[in-house]
């Protein structure tokens, strides 16, 4: 049994594909607690002409609403769930660091499934997490 499962979400339908697997693990009695994590990128906040504080607050509010919706979905399945928002850094390193600091036993993350040139151009948060994580990673392909 995994006491703490970390599920990084970026607001995309691809990332949410991991939730079905989390629900399946819960139904098998393999989960203690699920932590939903949204990583906010402060680089986006530094674009010209934006009020940094207002944009940051808007991003946090949107992330909170999004995570509350997902918490309600998992909670209705009887899953003990909490959420957190991480600010700063590259998403993959933020996810790995969060897992380390919070005693996570398993990371469940979806891969967008990019290959070839697209993967080289866009990178892959899921693959970086898989490579750098100190705990097992369940990689879900949508």
Protein backbone atom coordinates (compact mmCIF):
# COMPACT_ATOMS: atom_id res chain seq x y z
CA UNK A 1 0.00 0.00 0.00
CA UNK A 2 1.15 3.50 -0.80
CA UNK A 3 0.55 5.90 2.08
CA UNK A 4 1.02 9.06 0.00
CA UNK A 5 0.52 9.32 -3.73
CA UNK A 6 1.44 12.51 -5.53
CA UNK A 7 -0.54 13.39 -8.65
CA UNK A 8 0.86 16.42 -10.51
CA UNK A 9 -1.77 18.20 -12.58
CA UNK A 10 -1.34 21.06 -15.02
CA UNK A 11 -4.97 21.66 -15.88
CA UNK A 12 -4.88 19.64 -19.10
CA UNK A 13 -7.10 16.72 -20.05
CA UNK A 14 -3.91 14.72 -20.66
CA UNK A 15 -2.75 15.19 -17.08
CA UNK A 16 -6.17 14.18 -15.78
CA UNK A 17 -5.85 10.79 -17.50
CA UNK A 18 -3.84 9.74 -14.45
CA UNK A 19 -6.92 10.12 -12.24
CA UNK A 20 -8.58 6.96 -13.56
CA UNK A 21 -5.55 4.95 -12.46
CA UNK A 22 -5.61 6.63 -9.04
CA UNK A 23 -9.28 5.66 -8.67
CA UNK A 24 -8.42 2.06 -9.66
CA UNK A 25 -5.62 1.93 -7.07
CA UNK A 26 -8.02 3.26 -4.45
CA UNK A 27 -10.63 0.63 -5.25
CA UNK A 28 -7.95 -2.04 -4.70
CA UNK A 29 -7.19 -0.55 -1.29
CA UNK A 30 -3.69 0.53 -2.32
CA UNK A 31 -3.89 4.20 -1.34
CA UNK A 32 -3.72 6.01 1.98
CA UNK A 33 -3.84 9.61 0.77
CA UNK A 34 -3.65 11.40 -2.57
CA UNK A 35 -1.93 14.76 -2.92
CA UNK A 36 -2.85 16.80 -5.98
CA UNK A 37 -0.10 19.22 -6.98
CA UNK A 38 -0.24 22.13 -9.39
CA UNK A 39 3.08 23.83 -10.17
CA UNK A 40 2.82 27.48 -11.14
CA UNK A 41 5.55 28.95 -13.31
CA UNK A 42 6.58 32.49 -12.24
CA UNK A 43 8.27 33.07 -15.61
CA UNK A 44 4.79 33.53 -17.06
CA UNK A 45 4.18 36.29 -14.53
CA UNK A 46 7.07 38.40 -15.79
CA UNK A 47 5.70 39.17 -19.25
CA UNK A 48 5.71 42.81 -20.25
CA UNK A 49 2.73 44.94 -19.40
CA UNK A 50 1.34 42.69 -16.68
CA UNK A 51 0.74 43.57 -13.09
CA UNK A 52 2.87 40.88 -11.44
CA UNK A 53 0.90 40.67 -8.19
CA UNK A 54 -2.52 40.71 -9.86
CA UNK A 55 -1.49 38.04 -12.39
CA UNK A 56 0.07 35.87 -9.68
CA UNK A 57 -3.08 36.13 -7.56
CA UNK A 58 -5.23 35.29 -10.57
CA UNK A 59 -3.10 32.19 -11.31
CA UNK A 60 -3.36 31.01 -7.68
CA UNK A 61 -7.13 31.52 -7.65
CA UNK A 62 -7.53 29.57 -10.90
CA UNK A 63 -5.31 26.75 -9.59
CA UNK A 64 -7.26 26.55 -6.33
CA UNK A 65 -10.60 26.32 -8.18
CA UNK A 66 -9.21 23.66 -10.51
CA UNK A 67 -7.79 21.55 -7.68
CA UNK A 68 -11.02 21.86 -5.66
CA UNK A 69 -12.95 20.44 -8.61
CA UNK A 70 -10.57 17.47 -8.87
CA UNK A 71 -10.64 16.97 -5.08
CA UNK A 72 -14.42 16.77 -5.19
CA UNK A 73 -14.26 14.19 -7.97
CA UNK A 74 -11.82 11.97 -6.07
CA UNK A 75 -13.56 12.58 -2.74
CA UNK A 76 -16.82 11.30 -4.22
CA UNK A 77 -14.95 8.03 -4.84
CA UNK A 78 -14.12 7.81 -1.14
CA UNK A 79 -10.48 8.81 -1.61
CA UNK A 80 -8.75 10.87 1.08
CA UNK A 81 -7.30 13.76 -0.90
CA UNK A 82 -5.65 17.10 -0.35
CA UNK A 83 -4.13 19.60 -2.73
CA UNK A 84 -1.20 21.95 -2.86
CA UNK A 85 0.19 24.61 -5.17
CA UNK A 86 3.91 24.93 -5.73
CA UNK A 87 5.38 28.15 -7.00
CA UNK A 88 8.57 28.51 -8.94
CA UNK A 89 11.21 26.47 -10.59
CA UNK A 90 10.90 24.05 -13.43
CA UNK A 91 7.85 21.80 -13.11
CA UNK A 92 9.75 18.49 -13.06
CA UNK A 93 12.24 19.56 -10.41
CA UNK A 94 9.43 21.12 -8.34
CA UNK A 95 7.50 17.84 -8.46
CA UNK A 96 10.52 15.73 -7.47
CA UNK A 97 11.46 18.13 -4.67
CA UNK A 98 7.89 18.23 -3.37
CA UNK A 99 7.78 14.42 -3.29
CA UNK A 100 11.03 14.31 -1.37
CA UNK A 101 10.01 16.95 1.18
CA UNK A 102 6.56 15.47 1.81
CA UNK A 103 7.33 11.77 2.19
CA UNK A 104 5.56 10.69 -0.99
CA UNK A 105 5.63 6.93 -1.77
CA UNK A 106 4.53 7.05 -5.42
CA UNK A 107 4.13 9.65 -8.14
CA UNK A 108 1.35 9.06 -10.69
CA UNK A 109 1.84 11.27 -13.72
CA UNK A 110 0.53 11.29 -17.27
CA UNK A 111 2.77 11.69 -20.27
CA UNK A 112 1.53 13.70 -23.20
CA UNK A 113 3.11 11.02 -25.38
CA UNK A 114 5.26 13.31 -27.54
CA UNK A 115 7.93 11.56 -29.55
CA UNK A 116 10.72 12.52 -31.90
CA UNK A 117 11.23 16.18 -32.73
CA UNK A 118 8.20 17.30 -30.75
CA UNK A 119 9.67 15.75 -27.58
CA UNK A 120 13.04 17.40 -28.24
CA UNK A 121 11.39 20.79 -28.79
CA UNK A 122 8.89 20.63 -25.92
CA UNK A 123 10.74 18.45 -23.44
CA UNK A 124 8.89 16.09 -21.17
CA UNK A 125 8.06 16.85 -17.57
CA UNK A 126 6.94 13.25 -17.03
CA UNK A 127 10.22 11.82 -18.33
CA UNK A 128 12.26 14.21 -16.20
CA UNK A 129 10.26 13.19 -13.14
CA UNK A 130 10.76 9.53 -14.03
CA UNK A 131 14.50 10.07 -14.36
CA UNK A 132 15.04 12.25 -11.27
CA UNK A 133 12.56 10.84 -8.76
CA UNK A 134 13.74 8.97 -5.66
CA UNK A 135 10.37 7.15 -5.41
CA UNK A 136 8.54 4.93 -7.90
CA UNK A 137 6.76 6.71 -10.75
CA UNK A 138 3.68 5.33 -12.44
CA UNK A 139 3.73 6.85 -15.91
CA UNK A 140 0.32 6.91 -17.62
CA UNK A 141 0.03 7.24 -21.39
CA UNK A 142 -3.30 8.78 -22.40
